[in-house]
Amino acid sequence: MVTIPGASAVTAALSITGLPSDEFTFLGFLPHKKGRQTLLTEIGSMTRTVVLYESTHRILKLLKELEAHLSEGRTVCIARELTKLFEEVQCGTPAELHELLSAQSEKQKGEFVVIIAAR
């Protein structure tokens, strides 16, 4: 499955992952330092789908943080390089995705849309 180019990476990513998208919260890029942990705690308690952006330099850190803040088994999808040649969507737990990206450094490159499934 591939996504069709559109006005927003958020809607493109939501359409291709198959996660619930009837209600979602879009957070953009999380803060680098101040307020980050507070926001991650809030994300862990949200009951609707959460969408955010992350850079190639911080994607592994974010997955580790999500592993600590999300309930066990909660699904996360990462969509990278949407509408480009190396478009890819991977879904799993934060730990599974961290392991996948750590093992294959080429999968750490690109622009990421991170979608956290509704609780």
PDB file of N, CA and C in Angstrom:
ATOM      1  N   MET A   1       0.835  -1.162   0.000  1.00  0.00           N
ATOM      2  CA  MET A   1       0.000   0.000   0.000  1.00  0.00           C
ATOM      3  C   MET A   1       0.889   1.238   0.000  1.00  0.00           C
ATOM      4  N   VAL A   2       0.524   2.250  -0.762  1.00  0.00           N
ATOM      5  CA  VAL A   2       1.245   3.522  -0.770  1.00  0.00           C
ATOM      6  C   VAL A   2       0.248   4.646  -0.570  1.00  0.00           C
ATOM      7  N   THR A   3       0.766   5.768  -0.119  1.00  0.00           N
ATOM      8  CA  THR A   3      -0.084   6.928   0.110  1.00  0.00           C
ATOM      9  C   THR A   3      -0.103   7.828  -1.116  1.00  0.00           C
ATOM     10  N   ILE A   4      -1.123   8.632  -1.227  1.00  0.00           N
ATOM     11  CA  ILE A   4      -1.251   9.581  -2.330  1.00  0.00           C
ATOM     12  C   ILE A   4      -0.850  10.953  -1.804  1.00  0.00           C
ATOM     13  N   PRO A   5      -0.036  11.695  -2.552  1.00  0.00           N
ATOM     14  CA  PRO A   5       0.368  13.018  -2.085  1.00  0.00           C
ATOM     15  C   PRO A   5      -0.838  13.891  -1.783  1.00  0.00           C
ATOM     16  N   GLY A   6      -0.704  14.669  -0.736  1.00  0.00           N
ATOM     17  CA  GLY A   6      -1.786  15.565  -0.352  1.00  0.00           C
ATOM     18  C   GLY A   6      -1.240  16.788   0.342  1.00  0.00           C
ATOM     19  N   ALA A   7      -2.148  17.511   0.928  1.00  0.00           N
ATOM     20  CA  ALA A   7      -1.762  18.768   1.567  1.00  0.00           C
ATOM     21  C   ALA A   7      -1.052  18.573   2.893  1.00  0.00           C
ATOM     22  N   SER A   8      -1.205  17.404   3.513  1.00  0.00           N
ATOM     23  CA  SER A   8      -0.682  17.224   4.860  1.00  0.00           C
ATOM     24  C   SER A   8      -0.143  15.819   5.072  1.00  0.00           C
ATOM     25  N   ALA A   9       1.047  15.743   5.654  1.00  0.00           N
ATOM     26  CA  ALA A   9       1.622  14.437   5.982  1.00  0.00           C
ATOM     27  C   ALA A   9       0.799  13.743   7.059  1.00  0.00           C
ATOM     28  N   VAL A  10       0.119  14.524   7.901  1.00  0.00           N
ATOM     29  CA  VAL A  10      -0.704  13.953   8.970  1.00  0.00           C
ATOM     30  C   VAL A  10      -1.819  13.100   8.381  1.00  0.00           C
ATOM     31  N   THR A  11      -2.589  13.661   7.474  1.00  0.00           N
ATOM     32  CA  THR A  11      -3.710  12.912   6.901  1.00  0.00           C
ATOM     33  C   THR A  11      -3.223  11.780   6.014  1.00  0.00           C
ATOM     34  N   ALA A  12      -2.121  11.991   5.319  1.00  0.00           N
ATOM     35  CA  ALA A  12      -1.562  10.917   4.499  1.00  0.00           C
ATOM     36  C   ALA A  12      -1.156   9.737   5.368  1.00  0.00           C
ATOM     37  N   ALA A  13      -0.479  10.013   6.472  1.00  0.00           N
ATOM     38  CA  ALA A  13      -0.036   8.945   7.373  1.00  0.00           C
ATOM     39  C   ALA A  13      -1.220   8.244   8.019  1.00  0.00           C
ATOM     40  N   LEU A  14      -2.201   9.003   8.481  1.00  0.00           N
ATOM     41  CA  LEU A  14      -3.382   8.397   9.088  1.00  0.00           C
ATOM     42  C   LEU A  14      -4.097   7.476   8.099  1.00  0.00           C
ATOM     43  N   SER A  15      -4.169   7.885   6.852  1.00  0.00           N
ATOM     44  CA  SER A  15      -4.897   7.087   5.861  1.00  0.00           C
ATOM     45  C   SER A  15      -4.203   5.766   5.552  1.00  0.00           C
ATOM     46  N   ILE A  16      -2.905   5.736   5.635  1.00  0.00           N
ATOM     47  CA  ILE A  16      -2.172   4.530   5.235  1.00  0.00           C
ATOM     48  C   ILE A  16      -1.958   3.546   6.393  1.00  0.00           C
ATOM     49  N   THR A  17      -2.006   4.014   7.646  1.00  0.00           N
ATOM     50  CA  THR A  17      -1.733   3.109   8.770  1.00  0.00           C
ATOM     51  C   THR A  17      -2.919   2.242   9.148  1.00  0.00           C
ATOM     52  N   GLY A  18      -4.113   2.737   8.900  1.00  0.00           N
ATOM     53  CA  GLY A  18      -5.298   1.975   9.289  1.00  0.00           C
ATOM     54  C   GLY A  18      -5.664   2.123  10.758  1.00  0.00           C
ATOM     55  N   LEU A  19      -4.945   2.962  11.491  1.00  0.00           N
ATOM     56  CA  LEU A  19      -5.278   3.206  12.893  1.00  0.00           C
ATOM     57  C   LEU A  19      -6.518   4.102  12.972  1.00  0.00           C
ATOM     58  N   PRO A  20      -7.236   4.062  14.084  1.00  0.00           N
ATOM     59  CA  PRO A  20      -8.439   4.889  14.217  1.00  0.00           C
ATOM     60  C   PRO A  20      -8.128   6.371  13.971  1.00  0.00           C
ATOM     61  N   SER A  21      -8.899   6.979  13.075  1.00  0.00           N
ATOM     62  CA  SER A  21      -8.639   8.379  12.747  1.00  0.00           C
ATOM     63  C   SER A  21      -9.892   9.243  12.845  1.00  0.00           C
ATOM     64  N   ASP A  22     -10.965   8.691  13.436  1.00  0.00           N
ATOM     65  CA  ASP A  22     -12.181   9.480  13.580  1.00  0.00           C
ATOM     66  C   ASP A  22     -11.975  10.631  14.557  1.00  0.00           C
ATOM     67  N   GLU A  23     -11.102  10.436  15.541  1.00  0.00           N
ATOM     68  CA  GLU A  23     -10.686  11.481  16.477  1.00  0.00           C
ATOM     69  C   GLU A  23      -9.186  11.341  16.688  1.00  0.00           C
ATOM     70  N   PHE A  24      -8.469  12.437  16.525  1.00  0.00           N
ATOM     71  CA  PHE A  24      -7.032  12.384  16.796  1.00  0.00           C
ATOM     72  C   PHE A  24      -6.559  13.749  17.273  1.00  0.00           C
ATOM     73  N   THR A  25      -5.422  13.728  17.942  1.00  0.00           N
ATOM     74  CA  THR A  25      -4.768  14.944  18.415  1.00  0.00           C
ATOM     75  C   THR A  25      -3.444  15.062  17.680  1.00  0.00           C
ATOM     76  N   PHE A  26      -3.220  16.218  17.053  1.00  0.00           N
ATOM     77  CA  PHE A  26      -1.963  16.468  16.361  1.00  0.00           C
ATOM     78  C   PHE A  26      -1.111  17.399  17.211  1.00  0.00           C
ATOM     79  N   LEU A  27       0.118  16.994  17.496  1.00  0.00           N
ATOM     80  CA  LEU A  27       0.993  17.759  18.384  1.00  0.00           C
ATOM     81  C   LEU A  27       2.184  18.418  17.679  1.00  0.00           C
ATOM     82  N   GLY A  28       2.371  18.161  16.405  1.00  0.00           N
ATOM     83  CA  GLY A  28       3.541  18.714  15.716  1.00  0.00           C
ATOM     84  C   GLY A  28       4.815  18.099  16.278  1.00  0.00           C
ATOM     85  N   PHE A  29       5.890  18.883  16.340  1.00  0.00           N
ATOM     86  CA  PHE A  29       7.138  18.424  16.944  1.00  0.00           C
ATOM     87  C   PHE A  29       7.060  18.623  18.452  1.00  0.00           C
ATOM     88  N   LEU A  30       7.455  17.619  19.213  1.00  0.00           N
ATOM     89  CA  LEU A  30       7.519  17.759  20.666  1.00  0.00           C
ATOM     90  C   LEU A  30       8.675  18.689  21.025  1.00  0.00           C
ATOM     91  N   PRO A  31       8.572  19.369  22.167  1.00  0.00           N
ATOM     92  CA  PRO A  31       9.702  20.214  22.592  1.00  0.00           C
ATOM     93  C   PRO A  31      10.943  19.348  22.823  1.00  0.00           C
ATOM     94  N   HIS A  32      12.101  19.934  22.616  1.00  0.00           N
ATOM     95  CA  HIS A  32      13.352  19.187  22.799  1.00  0.00           C
ATOM     96  C   HIS A  32      13.650  18.922  24.264  1.00  0.00           C
ATOM     97  N   LYS A  33      13.383  19.892  25.117  1.00  0.00           N
ATOM     98  CA  LYS A  33      13.737  19.758  26.530  1.00  0.00           C
ATOM     99  C   LYS A  33      12.571  20.117  27.433  1.00  0.00           C
ATOM    100  N   LYS A  34      12.374  21.385  27.684  1.00  0.00           N
ATOM    101  CA  LYS A  34      11.394  21.847  28.665  1.00  0.00           C
ATOM    102  C   LYS A  34       9.971  21.423  28.268  1.00  0.00           C
ATOM    103  N   GLY A  35       9.341  20.680  29.160  1.00  0.00           N
ATOM    104  CA  GLY A  35       7.966  20.246  28.947  1.00  0.00           C
ATOM    105  C   GLY A  35       7.820  18.933  28.196  1.00  0.00           C
ATOM    106  N   ARG A  36       8.902  18.378  27.707  1.00  0.00           N
ATOM    107  CA  ARG A  36       8.829  17.146  26.915  1.00  0.00           C
ATOM    108  C   ARG A  36       8.282  15.972  27.728  1.00  0.00           C
ATOM    109  N   GLN A  37       8.834  15.753  28.922  1.00  0.00           N
ATOM    110  CA  GLN A  37       8.398  14.614  29.732  1.00  0.00           C
ATOM    111  C   GLN A  37       6.946  14.770  30.180  1.00  0.00           C
ATOM    112  N   THR A  38       6.544  15.990  30.485  1.00  0.00           N
ATOM    113  CA  THR A  38       5.154  16.248  30.855  1.00  0.00           C
ATOM    114  C   THR A  38       4.225  15.903  29.703  1.00  0.00           C
ATOM    115  N   LEU A  39       4.598  16.312  28.508  1.00  0.00           N
ATOM    116  CA  LEU A  39       3.787  16.033  27.325  1.00  0.00           C
ATOM    117  C   LEU A  39       3.750  14.534  27.027  1.00  0.00           C
ATOM    118  N   LEU A  40       4.856  13.851  27.203  1.00  0.00           N
ATOM    119  CA  LEU A  40       4.875  12.399  26.989  1.00  0.00           C
ATOM    120  C   LEU A  40       3.962  11.689  27.982  1.00  0.00           C
ATOM    121  N   THR A  41       3.924  12.154  29.214  1.00  0.00           N
ATOM    122  CA  THR A  41       3.012  11.588  30.205  1.00  0.00           C
ATOM    123  C   THR A  41       1.567  11.808  29.782  1.00  0.00           C
ATOM    124  N   GLU A  42       1.259  13.002  29.276  1.00  0.00           N
ATOM    125  CA  GLU A  42      -0.087  13.294  28.782  1.00  0.00           C
ATOM    126  C   GLU A  42      -0.451  12.388  27.605  1.00  0.00           C
ATOM    127  N   ILE A  43       0.487  12.193  26.703  1.00  0.00           N
ATOM    128  CA  ILE A  43       0.247  11.313  25.551  1.00  0.00           C
ATOM    129  C   ILE A  43      -0.109   9.914  26.037  1.00  0.00           C
ATOM    130  N   GLY A  44       0.599   9.433  27.040  1.00  0.00           N
ATOM    131  CA  GLY A  44       0.342   8.099  27.583  1.00  0.00           C
ATOM    132  C   GLY A  44      -1.067   7.940  28.132  1.00  0.00           C
ATOM    133  N   SER A  45      -1.667   9.027  28.583  1.00  0.00           N
ATOM    134  CA  SER A  45      -3.011   8.935  29.155  1.00  0.00           C
ATOM    135  C   SER A  45      -4.117   9.304  28.167  1.00  0.00           C
ATOM    136  N   MET A  46      -3.753   9.794  26.996  1.00  0.00           N
ATOM    137  CA  MET A  46      -4.774  10.174  26.006  1.00  0.00           C
ATOM    138  C   MET A  46      -5.502   8.945  25.484  1.00  0.00           C
ATOM    139  N   THR A  47      -6.787   9.109  25.260  1.00  0.00           N
ATOM    140  CA  THR A  47      -7.596   7.975  24.793  1.00  0.00           C
ATOM    141  C   THR A  47      -7.838   8.007  23.290  1.00  0.00           C
ATOM    142  N   ARG A  48      -7.444   9.073  22.627  1.00  0.00           N
ATOM    143  CA  ARG A  48      -7.600   9.125  21.172  1.00  0.00           C
ATOM    144  C   ARG A  48      -6.243   8.954  20.493  1.00  0.00           C
ATOM    145  N   THR A  49      -6.262   8.748  19.211  1.00  0.00           N
ATOM    146  CA  THR A  49      -5.040   8.622  18.428  1.00  0.00           C
ATOM    147  C   THR A  49      -4.251   9.928  18.515  1.00  0.00           C
ATOM    148  N   VAL A  50      -2.931   9.804  18.619  1.00  0.00           N
ATOM    149  CA  VAL A  50      -2.045  10.966  18.709  1.00  0.00           C
ATOM    150  C   VAL A  50      -1.079  10.929  17.525  1.00  0.00           C
ATOM    151  N   VAL A  51      -0.926  12.067  16.881  1.00  0.00           N
ATOM    152  CA  VAL A  51      -0.024  12.178  15.731  1.00  0.00           C
ATOM    153  C   VAL A  51       0.997  13.261  16.030  1.00  0.00           C
ATOM    154  N   LEU A  52       2.256  12.964  15.732  1.00  0.00           N
ATOM    155  CA  LEU A  52       3.304  13.967  15.914  1.00  0.00           C
ATOM    156  C   LEU A  52       4.391  13.765  14.881  1.00  0.00           C
ATOM    157  N   TYR A  53       5.237  14.739  14.773  1.00  0.00           N
ATOM    158  CA  TYR A  53       6.392  14.663  13.879  1.00  0.00           C
ATOM    159  C   TYR A  53       7.649  14.427  14.709  1.00  0.00           C
ATOM    160  N   GLU A  54       8.626  13.751  14.102  1.00  0.00           N
ATOM    161  CA  GLU A  54       9.924  13.597  14.759  1.00  0.00           C
ATOM    162  C   GLU A  54      11.009  13.591  13.702  1.00  0.00           C
ATOM    163  N   SER A  55      12.170  14.086  14.093  1.00  0.00           N
ATOM    164  CA  SER A  55      13.303  14.158  13.173  1.00  0.00           C
ATOM    165  C   SER A  55      14.089  12.857  13.185  1.00  0.00           C
ATOM    166  N   THR A  56      14.878  12.689  12.180  1.00  0.00           N
ATOM    167  CA  THR A  56      15.735  11.518  12.055  1.00  0.00           C
ATOM    168  C   THR A  56      16.724  11.419  13.217  1.00  0.00           C
ATOM    169  N   HIS A  57      17.102  12.571  13.779  1.00  0.00           N
ATOM    170  CA  HIS A  57      18.099  12.595  14.856  1.00  0.00           C
ATOM    171  C   HIS A  57      17.532  12.186  16.214  1.00  0.00           C
ATOM    172  N   ARG A  58      16.204  12.256  16.362  1.00  0.00           N
ATOM    173  CA  ARG A  58      15.606  11.964  17.666  1.00  0.00           C
ATOM    174  C   ARG A  58      14.607  10.816  17.651  1.00  0.00           C
ATOM    175  N   ILE A  59      14.467  10.122  16.535  1.00  0.00           N
ATOM    176  CA  ILE A  59      13.436   9.082  16.454  1.00  0.00           C
ATOM    177  C   ILE A  59      13.703   7.938  17.438  1.00  0.00           C
ATOM    178  N   LEU A  60      14.940   7.516  17.594  1.00  0.00           N
ATOM    179  CA  LEU A  60      15.237   6.425  18.529  1.00  0.00           C
ATOM    180  C   LEU A  60      14.970   6.858  19.971  1.00  0.00           C
ATOM    181  N   LYS A  61      15.345   8.084  20.297  1.00  0.00           N
ATOM    182  CA  LYS A  61      15.086   8.615  21.648  1.00  0.00           C
ATOM    183  C   LYS A  61      13.579   8.646  21.912  1.00  0.00           C
ATOM    184  N   LEU A  62      12.805   9.116  20.934  1.00  0.00           N
ATOM    185  CA  LEU A  62      11.358   9.183  21.116  1.00  0.00           C
ATOM    186  C   LEU A  62      10.767   7.797  21.352  1.00  0.00           C
ATOM    187  N   LEU A  63      11.205   6.805  20.594  1.00  0.00           N
ATOM    188  CA  LEU A  63      10.664   5.453  20.768  1.00  0.00           C
ATOM    189  C   LEU A  63      10.966   4.919  22.165  1.00  0.00           C
ATOM    190  N   LYS A  64      12.150   5.185  22.685  1.00  0.00           N
ATOM    191  CA  LYS A  64      12.488   4.775  24.062  1.00  0.00           C
ATOM    192  C   LYS A  64      11.587   5.491  25.066  1.00  0.00           C
ATOM    193  N   GLU A  65      11.353   6.778  24.847  1.00  0.00           N
ATOM    194  CA  GLU A  65      10.488   7.542  25.746  1.00  0.00           C
ATOM    195  C   GLU A  65       9.050   7.028  25.690  1.00  0.00           C
ATOM    196  N   LEU A  66       8.566   6.707  24.490  1.00  0.00           N
ATOM    197  CA  LEU A  66       7.209   6.183  24.363  1.00  0.00           C
ATOM    198  C   LEU A  66       7.083   4.829  25.052  1.00  0.00           C
ATOM    199  N   GLU A  67       8.128   4.026  24.964  1.00  0.00           N
ATOM    200  CA  GLU A  67       8.116   2.730  25.638  1.00  0.00           C
ATOM    201  C   GLU A  67       7.901   2.916  27.147  1.00  0.00           C
ATOM    202  N   ALA A  68       8.492   3.951  27.706  1.00  0.00           N
ATOM    203  CA  ALA A  68       8.374   4.213  29.143  1.00  0.00           C
ATOM    204  C   ALA A  68       7.033   4.834  29.523  1.00  0.00           C
ATOM    205  N   HIS A  69       6.388   5.546  28.596  1.00  0.00           N
ATOM    206  CA  HIS A  69       5.182   6.296  28.933  1.00  0.00           C
ATOM    207  C   HIS A  69       3.870   5.664  28.467  1.00  0.00           C
ATOM    208  N   LEU A  70       3.933   4.720  27.535  1.00  0.00           N
ATOM    209  CA  LEU A  70       2.701   4.120  27.015  1.00  0.00           C
ATOM    210  C   LEU A  70       2.400   2.804  27.718  1.00  0.00           C
ATOM    211  N   SER A  71       1.123   2.470  27.784  1.00  0.00           N
ATOM    212  CA  SER A  71       0.753   1.183  28.364  1.00  0.00           C
ATOM    213  C   SER A  71       1.261   0.061  27.459  1.00  0.00           C
ATOM    214  N   GLU A  72       1.539  -1.066  28.066  1.00  0.00           N
ATOM    215  CA  GLU A  72       2.119  -2.204  27.360  1.00  0.00           C
ATOM    216  C   GLU A  72       1.219  -2.642  26.205  1.00  0.00           C
ATOM    217  N   GLY A  73       1.824  -2.865  25.071  1.00  0.00           N
ATOM    218  CA  GLY A  73       1.097  -3.370  23.912  1.00  0.00           C
ATOM    219  C   GLY A  73       0.440  -2.301  23.056  1.00  0.00           C
ATOM    220  N   ARG A  74       0.539  -1.038  23.456  1.00  0.00           N
ATOM    221  CA  ARG A  74      -0.077   0.030  22.663  1.00  0.00           C
ATOM    222  C   ARG A  74       0.683   0.185  21.348  1.00  0.00           C
ATOM    223  N   THR A  75      -0.046   0.219  20.259  1.00  0.00           N
ATOM    224  CA  THR A  75       0.553   0.251  18.933  1.00  0.00           C
ATOM    225  C   THR A  75       1.004   1.653  18.548  1.00  0.00           C
ATOM    226  N   VAL A  76       2.170   1.690  17.931  1.00  0.00           N
ATOM    227  CA  VAL A  76       2.719   2.919  17.372  1.00  0.00           C
ATOM    228  C   VAL A  76       3.081   2.620  15.924  1.00  0.00           C
ATOM    229  N   CYS A  77       2.791   3.561  15.042  1.00  0.00           N
ATOM    230  CA  CYS A  77       3.218   3.445  13.649  1.00  0.00           C
ATOM    231  C   CYS A  77       4.138   4.608  13.325  1.00  0.00           C
ATOM    232  N   ILE A  78       5.177   4.304  12.587  1.00  0.00           N
ATOM    233  CA  ILE A  78       6.053   5.360  12.099  1.00  0.00           C
ATOM    234  C   ILE A  78       6.000   5.317  10.577  1.00  0.00           C
ATOM    235  N   ALA A  79       5.716   6.457  10.005  1.00  0.00           N
ATOM    236  CA  ALA A  79       5.663   6.595   8.549  1.00  0.00           C
ATOM    237  C   ALA A  79       6.797   7.532   8.163  1.00  0.00           C
ATOM    238  N   ARG A  80       7.609   7.080   7.244  1.00  0.00           N
ATOM    239  CA  ARG A  80       8.734   7.926   6.857  1.00  0.00           C
ATOM    240  C   ARG A  80       8.776   8.097   5.349  1.00  0.00           C
ATOM    241  N   GLU A  81       9.273   9.234   4.946  1.00  0.00           N
ATOM    242  CA  GLU A  81       9.446   9.559   3.538  1.00  0.00           C
ATOM    243  C   GLU A  81       8.148   9.397   2.737  1.00  0.00           C
ATOM    244  N   LEU A  82       7.039   9.840   3.306  1.00  0.00           N
ATOM    245  CA  LEU A  82       5.746   9.705   2.633  1.00  0.00           C
ATOM    246  C   LEU A  82       5.764  10.385   1.268  1.00  0.00           C
ATOM    247  N   THR A  83       5.199   9.695   0.305  1.00  0.00           N
ATOM    248  CA  THR A  83       5.087  10.109  -1.109  1.00  0.00           C
ATOM    249  C   THR A  83       6.443  10.194  -1.810  1.00  0.00           C
ATOM    250  N   LYS A  84       7.487   9.664  -1.202  1.00  0.00           N
ATOM    251  CA  LYS A  84       8.808   9.676  -1.821  1.00  0.00           C
ATOM    252  C   LYS A  84       9.210   8.247  -2.183  1.00  0.00           C
ATOM    253  N   LEU A  85      10.335   8.118  -2.833  1.00  0.00           N
ATOM    254  CA  LEU A  85      10.804   6.825  -3.328  1.00  0.00           C
ATOM    255  C   LEU A  85      10.921   5.768  -2.230  1.00  0.00           C
ATOM    256  N   PHE A  86      11.406   6.140  -1.056  1.00  0.00           N
ATOM    257  CA  PHE A  86      11.636   5.168   0.007  1.00  0.00           C
ATOM    258  C   PHE A  86      10.551   5.199   1.084  1.00  0.00           C
ATOM    259  N   GLU A  87       9.324   5.533   0.688  1.00  0.00           N
ATOM    260  CA  GLU A  87       8.195   5.567   1.623  1.00  0.00           C
ATOM    261  C   GLU A  87       8.077   4.237   2.348  1.00  0.00           C
ATOM    262  N   GLU A  88       7.823   4.338   3.658  1.00  0.00           N
ATOM    263  CA  GLU A  88       7.708   3.121   4.452  1.00  0.00           C
ATOM    264  C   GLU A  88       6.872   3.392   5.690  1.00  0.00           C
ATOM    265  N   VAL A  89       6.055   2.426   6.046  1.00  0.00           N
ATOM    266  CA  VAL A  89       5.265   2.497   7.267  1.00  0.00           C
ATOM    267  C   VAL A  89       5.522   1.221   8.056  1.00  0.00           C
ATOM    268  N   GLN A  90       5.870   1.384   9.324  1.00  0.00           N
ATOM    269  CA  GLN A  90       6.103   0.255  10.216  1.00  0.00           C
ATOM    270  C   GLN A  90       5.235   0.453  11.460  1.00  0.00           C
ATOM    271  N   CYS A  91       4.603  -0.612  11.921  1.00  0.00           N
ATOM    272  CA  CYS A  91       3.782  -0.549  13.125  1.00  0.00           C
ATOM    273  C   CYS A  91       4.222  -1.629  14.112  1.00  0.00           C
ATOM    274  N   GLY A  92       4.077  -1.328  15.383  1.00  0.00           N
ATOM    275  CA  GLY A  92       4.428  -2.276  16.438  1.00  0.00           C
ATOM    276  C   GLY A  92       4.465  -1.539  17.762  1.00  0.00           C
ATOM    277  N   THR A  93       5.016  -2.169  18.750  1.00  0.00           N
ATOM    278  CA  THR A  93       5.205  -1.488  20.027  1.00  0.00           C
ATOM    279  C   THR A  93       6.423  -0.567  19.886  1.00  0.00           C
ATOM    280  N   PRO A  94       6.563   0.408  20.768  1.00  0.00           N
ATOM    281  CA  PRO A  94       7.759   1.252  20.707  1.00  0.00           C
ATOM    282  C   PRO A  94       9.056   0.434  20.784  1.00  0.00           C
ATOM    283  N   ALA A  95       9.071  -0.606  21.611  1.00  0.00           N
ATOM    284  CA  ALA A  95      10.272  -1.445  21.740  1.00  0.00           C
ATOM    285  C   ALA A  95      10.577  -2.172  20.431  1.00  0.00           C
ATOM    286  N   GLU A  96       9.558  -2.705  19.784  1.00  0.00           N
ATOM    287  CA  GLU A  96       9.751  -3.404  18.509  1.00  0.00           C
ATOM    288  C   GLU A  96      10.279  -2.457  17.434  1.00  0.00           C
ATOM    289  N   LEU A  97       9.715  -1.264  17.381  1.00  0.00           N
ATOM    290  CA  LEU A  97      10.158  -0.286  16.384  1.00  0.00           C
ATOM    291  C   LEU A  97      11.571   0.198  16.672  1.00  0.00           C
ATOM    292  N   HIS A  98      11.900   0.376  17.937  1.00  0.00           N
ATOM    293  CA  HIS A  98      13.262   0.777  18.306  1.00  0.00           C
ATOM    294  C   HIS A  98      14.262  -0.291  17.871  1.00  0.00           C
ATOM    295  N   GLU A  99      13.924  -1.532  18.122  1.00  0.00           N
ATOM    296  CA  GLU A  99      14.798  -2.638  17.726  1.00  0.00           C
ATOM    297  C   GLU A  99      14.983  -2.668  16.207  1.00  0.00           C
ATOM    298  N   LEU A 100      13.905  -2.497  15.469  1.00  0.00           N
ATOM    299  CA  LEU A 100      13.947  -2.509  14.003  1.00  0.00           C
ATOM    300  C   LEU A 100      14.836  -1.393  13.473  1.00  0.00           C
ATOM    301  N   LEU A 101      14.637  -0.175  13.964  1.00  0.00           N
ATOM    302  CA  LEU A 101      15.422   0.952  13.486  1.00  0.00           C
ATOM    303  C   LEU A 101      16.873   0.877  13.931  1.00  0.00           C
ATOM    304  N   SER A 102      17.110   0.350  15.115  1.00  0.00           N
ATOM    305  CA  SER A 102      18.488   0.202  15.605  1.00  0.00           C
ATOM    306  C   SER A 102      19.266  -0.794  14.761  1.00  0.00           C
ATOM    307  N   ALA A 103      18.596  -1.842  14.320  1.00  0.00           N
ATOM    308  CA  ALA A 103      19.253  -2.889  13.528  1.00  0.00           C
ATOM    309  C   ALA A 103      19.501  -2.467  12.086  1.00  0.00           C
ATOM    310  N   GLN A 104      18.722  -1.491  11.605  1.00  0.00           N
ATOM    311  CA  GLN A 104      18.834  -1.080  10.204  1.00  0.00           C
ATOM    312  C   GLN A 104      18.917   0.442  10.146  1.00  0.00           C
ATOM    313  N   SER A 105      20.121   0.958  10.208  1.00  0.00           N
ATOM    314  CA  SER A 105      20.313   2.408  10.326  1.00  0.00           C
ATOM    315  C   SER A 105      19.714   3.186   9.157  1.00  0.00           C
ATOM    316  N   GLU A 106      19.613   2.573   7.988  1.00  0.00           N
ATOM    317  CA  GLU A 106      19.019   3.274   6.847  1.00  0.00           C
ATOM    318  C   GLU A 106      17.540   3.606   7.088  1.00  0.00           C
ATOM    319  N   LYS A 107      16.888   2.872   7.987  1.00  0.00           N
ATOM    320  CA  LYS A 107      15.481   3.129   8.319  1.00  0.00           C
ATOM    321  C   LYS A 107      15.320   4.293   9.291  1.00  0.00           C
ATOM    322  N   GLN A 108      16.433   4.827   9.788  1.00  0.00           N
ATOM    323  CA  GLN A 108      16.394   5.978  10.689  1.00  0.00           C
ATOM    324  C   GLN A 108      16.416   7.288   9.922  1.00  0.00           C
ATOM    325  N   LYS A 109      16.550   7.216   8.619  1.00  0.00           N
ATOM    326  CA  LYS A 109      16.674   8.426   7.808  1.00  0.00           C
ATOM    327  C   LYS A 109      15.310   8.873   7.308  1.00  0.00           C
ATOM    328  N   GLY A 110      15.177  10.176   7.175  1.00  0.00           N
ATOM    329  CA  GLY A 110      13.965  10.721   6.581  1.00  0.00           C
ATOM    330  C   GLY A 110      13.135  11.511   7.558  1.00  0.00           C
ATOM    331  N   GLU A 111      12.000  11.932   7.067  1.00  0.00           N
ATOM    332  CA  GLU A 111      11.042  12.686   7.864  1.00  0.00           C
ATOM    333  C   GLU A 111      10.020  11.707   8.415  1.00  0.00           C
ATOM    334  N   PHE A 112       9.741  11.778   9.724  1.00  0.00           N
ATOM    335  CA  PHE A 112       8.865  10.809  10.377  1.00  0.00           C
ATOM    336  C   PHE A 112       7.555  11.431  10.834  1.00  0.00           C
ATOM    337  N   VAL A 113       6.471  10.706  10.577  1.00  0.00           N
ATOM    338  CA  VAL A 113       5.188  10.978  11.217  1.00  0.00           C
ATOM    339  C   VAL A 113       4.973   9.803  12.150  1.00  0.00           C
ATOM    340  N   VAL A 114       4.758  10.099  13.426  1.00  0.00           N
ATOM    341  CA  VAL A 114       4.572   9.063  14.438  1.00  0.00           C
ATOM    342  C   VAL A 114       3.108   9.072  14.846  1.00  0.00           C
ATOM    343  N   ILE A 115       2.461   7.914  14.763  1.00  0.00           N
ATOM    344  CA  ILE A 115       1.067   7.801  15.116  1.00  0.00           C
ATOM    345  C   ILE A 115       0.933   6.801  16.256  1.00  0.00           C
ATOM    346  N   ILE A 116       0.334   7.255  17.343  1.00  0.00           N
ATOM    347  CA  ILE A 116       0.151   6.420  18.526  1.00  0.00           C
ATOM    348  C   ILE A 116      -1.327   6.055  18.590  1.00  0.00           C
ATOM    349  N   ALA A 117      -1.605   4.768  18.551  1.00  0.00           N
ATOM    350  CA  ALA A 117      -2.994   4.291  18.495  1.00  0.00           C
ATOM    351  C   ALA A 117      -3.781   4.713  19.724  1.00  0.00           C
ATOM    352  N   ALA A 118      -5.071   4.883  19.523  1.00  0.00           N
ATOM    353  CA  ALA A 118      -5.971   5.219  20.616  1.00  0.00           C
ATOM    354  C   ALA A 118      -5.937   4.098  21.652  1.00  0.00           C
ATOM    355  N   ARG A 119      -6.150   4.489  22.908  1.00  0.00           N
ATOM    356  CA  ARG A 119      -6.199   3.506  24.003  1.00  0.00           C
ATOM    357  C   ARG A 119      -7.567   2.900  24.081  1.00  0.00           C
TER     358      ARG A 119
END
